[in-house]
Amino acid sequence: MTTAAVTAAIAVPASAADHRPHRERVEISSVQYDSPGWDNRSNRSLNAEWVEITNNSRHGVNLDGWTLSDEDGRTYTFDHYRLAGRASVRVHTGIGLDNRRDVYQNRRKYVWDNRSDTATLRNDHGRFVVDVSWGRHGLHGHHQR
């Protein structure tokens, strides 16, 4: 089993429909899709698989209702979470207690495929914000236009 940590920084421009400029600063800043060590489904191993979301603006962003999903449709929905300005939050796969820096999907199986997958972030209206993909063609991301 190889350990892979992938980092992608993607600036997200404001859409014509969303006039809140602080939303353009939310990105998927890092992905740990291959949990270090053996994939044994222990909670420790599950929580070593995560996606990091960063707010680069000075203003907080209400992520309540935003979703993070994989290519197979497994989806995590943020519930009553506000990402402070110039802060990051890691969305872990396993079970844990949410806090300012870490939230948990409370799953007992891995979400992110080690060979290839896409992490997609959508806002509370279901609009695409950003995605990051990995696999055969390396790492690449797309952002809202």
Protein backbone atom coordinates (compact mmCIF):
# COMPACT_ATOMS: atom_id res chain seq x y z
CA MET A 1 0.00 0.00 0.00
CA THR A 2 1.44 3.36 -0.90
CA THR A 3 0.78 6.56 0.94
CA ALA A 4 -0.39 9.42 -1.21
CA ALA A 5 -1.21 12.94 -0.15
CA VAL A 6 -2.40 15.19 -2.90
CA THR A 7 -2.54 18.94 -2.66
CA ALA A 8 -4.52 21.13 -5.02
CA ALA A 9 -5.17 24.83 -4.61
CA ILE A 10 -7.91 26.11 -6.84
CA ALA A 11 -9.26 29.65 -6.70
CA VAL A 12 -13.00 29.76 -7.19
CA PRO A 13 -14.34 32.82 -9.05
CA ALA A 14 -17.69 34.37 -8.17
CA SER A 15 -20.59 33.34 -10.37
CA ALA A 16 -23.02 35.80 -11.87
CA ALA A 17 -25.79 34.36 -9.71
CA ASP A 18 -23.85 34.61 -6.45
CA HIS A 19 -22.87 38.16 -5.57
CA ARG A 20 -21.22 37.26 -2.26
CA PRO A 21 -17.54 37.70 -3.11
CA HIS A 22 -16.27 35.76 -0.08
CA ARG A 23 -17.62 32.54 -1.61
CA GLU A 24 -15.08 32.75 -4.41
CA ARG A 25 -12.36 32.08 -1.91
CA VAL A 26 -13.48 28.56 -0.90
CA GLU A 27 -11.34 25.76 -2.32
CA ILE A 28 -10.44 22.13 -1.90
CA SER A 29 -6.91 22.68 -0.67
CA SER A 30 -5.71 19.13 0.02
CA VAL A 31 -6.83 15.51 -0.27
CA GLN A 32 -5.59 12.42 1.56
CA TYR A 33 -7.45 9.79 -0.47
CA ASP A 34 -5.21 6.84 0.40
CA SER A 35 -5.13 6.29 4.14
CA PRO A 36 -1.56 5.50 5.28
CA GLY A 37 -0.91 1.83 6.04
CA TRP A 38 -3.26 -1.05 5.41
CA ASP A 39 -6.87 -0.32 4.49
CA ASN A 40 -8.32 -2.28 7.41
CA ARG A 41 -11.46 -0.13 7.98
CA SER A 42 -10.42 0.72 11.53
CA ASN A 43 -11.75 4.09 12.64
CA ARG A 44 -8.19 5.38 12.83
CA SER A 45 -7.55 4.35 9.22
CA LEU A 46 -10.89 5.75 8.04
CA ASN A 47 -10.15 9.10 9.69
CA ALA A 48 -6.73 9.25 8.00
CA GLU A 49 -8.69 9.61 4.73
CA TRP A 50 -9.88 13.21 4.38
CA VAL A 51 -10.55 16.22 2.16
CA GLU A 52 -9.47 19.67 3.34
CA ILE A 53 -11.55 22.73 2.46
CA THR A 54 -10.04 26.19 2.89
CA ASN A 55 -11.53 29.68 3.06
CA ASN A 56 -8.84 32.10 1.88
CA SER A 57 -10.87 35.24 2.51
CA ARG A 58 -10.92 37.30 5.70
CA HIS A 59 -14.68 36.71 6.07
CA GLY A 60 -16.34 33.58 7.41
CA VAL A 61 -18.47 31.43 5.09
CA ASN A 62 -21.61 29.62 6.21
CA LEU A 63 -21.21 26.07 4.83
CA ASP A 64 -24.58 24.89 6.21
CA GLY A 65 -26.14 22.74 3.47
CA TRP A 66 -22.97 22.57 1.32
CA THR A 67 -22.07 19.08 0.10
CA LEU A 68 -18.87 17.16 -0.59
CA SER A 69 -19.31 14.07 -2.76
CA ASP A 70 -17.35 11.42 -4.64
CA GLU A 71 -17.94 10.01 -8.15
CA ASP A 72 -20.22 7.27 -6.78
CA GLY A 73 -22.56 9.80 -5.15
CA ARG A 74 -21.53 9.27 -1.54
CA THR A 75 -22.24 12.68 -0.05
CA TYR A 76 -21.41 14.52 3.14
CA THR A 77 -23.60 17.53 3.98
CA PHE A 78 -22.31 20.26 6.27
CA ASP A 79 -24.75 20.89 9.11
CA HIS A 80 -24.59 24.15 11.09
CA TYR A 81 -20.95 24.76 10.19
CA ARG A 82 -19.30 28.14 9.63
CA LEU A 83 -15.77 28.17 8.18
CA ALA A 84 -13.90 31.12 9.65
CA GLY A 85 -11.86 33.47 7.49
CA ARG A 86 -8.39 32.21 6.59
CA ALA A 87 -9.22 28.80 8.04
CA SER A 88 -9.47 25.18 6.91
CA VAL A 89 -11.58 22.20 7.87
CA ARG A 90 -10.83 18.54 7.21
CA VAL A 91 -13.74 16.27 6.34
CA HIS A 92 -12.74 12.83 7.68
CA THR A 93 -14.40 9.61 6.53
CA GLY A 94 -14.70 7.84 9.89
CA ILE A 95 -16.46 8.49 13.18
CA GLY A 96 -15.58 11.40 15.48
CA LEU A 97 -16.80 14.53 17.22
CA ASP A 98 -17.01 17.60 14.98
CA ASN A 99 -15.05 20.72 15.95
CA ARG A 100 -13.78 23.88 14.20
CA ARG A 101 -10.97 22.11 12.32
CA ASP A 102 -12.32 18.59 11.81
CA VAL A 103 -15.71 17.18 10.86
CA TYR A 104 -16.61 13.53 10.41
CA GLN A 105 -18.78 11.66 7.91
CA ASN A 106 -19.34 8.87 10.48
CA ARG A 107 -18.87 6.13 7.88
CA ARG A 108 -17.58 2.61 8.41
CA LYS A 109 -16.28 2.20 4.83
CA TYR A 110 -13.81 4.22 2.76
CA VAL A 111 -15.19 6.93 0.46
CA TRP A 112 -12.30 7.96 -1.78
CA ASP A 113 -10.96 5.51 -4.37
CA ASN A 114 -7.17 5.14 -4.18
CA ARG A 115 -6.77 4.75 -7.96
CA SER A 116 -9.02 7.53 -9.29
CA ASP A 117 -11.92 9.60 -8.01
CA THR A 118 -13.26 13.14 -7.88
CA ALA A 119 -14.10 15.20 -4.79
CA THR A 120 -16.83 17.72 -5.67
CA LEU A 121 -17.93 20.63 -3.49
CA ARG A 122 -21.36 22.21 -4.07
CA ASN A 123 -22.96 25.15 -2.27
CA ASP A 124 -26.26 25.10 -0.36
CA HIS A 125 -28.17 25.68 -3.64
CA GLY A 126 -26.55 22.63 -5.24
CA ARG A 127 -24.37 24.76 -7.49
CA PHE A 128 -20.95 23.44 -8.42
CA VAL A 129 -18.14 25.28 -6.61
CA VAL A 130 -14.98 23.22 -7.21
CA ASP A 131 -13.73 19.70 -7.77
CA VAL A 132 -10.41 17.90 -7.59
CA SER A 133 -9.73 14.65 -9.46
CA TRP A 134 -6.89 12.16 -9.32
CA GLY A 135 -6.02 9.05 -11.27
CA ARG A 136 -4.71 8.11 -14.70
CA HIS A 137 -4.24 11.69 -15.83
CA GLY A 138 -2.71 12.96 -12.58
CA LEU A 139 -4.25 15.58 -10.35
CA HIS A 140 -6.47 18.30 -11.74
CA GLY A 141 -9.23 20.58 -10.57
CA HIS A 142 -12.05 22.60 -12.01
CA HIS A 143 -13.81 25.60 -10.60
CA GLN A 144 -17.08 27.39 -11.11
CA ARG A 145 -17.22 29.70 -14.12
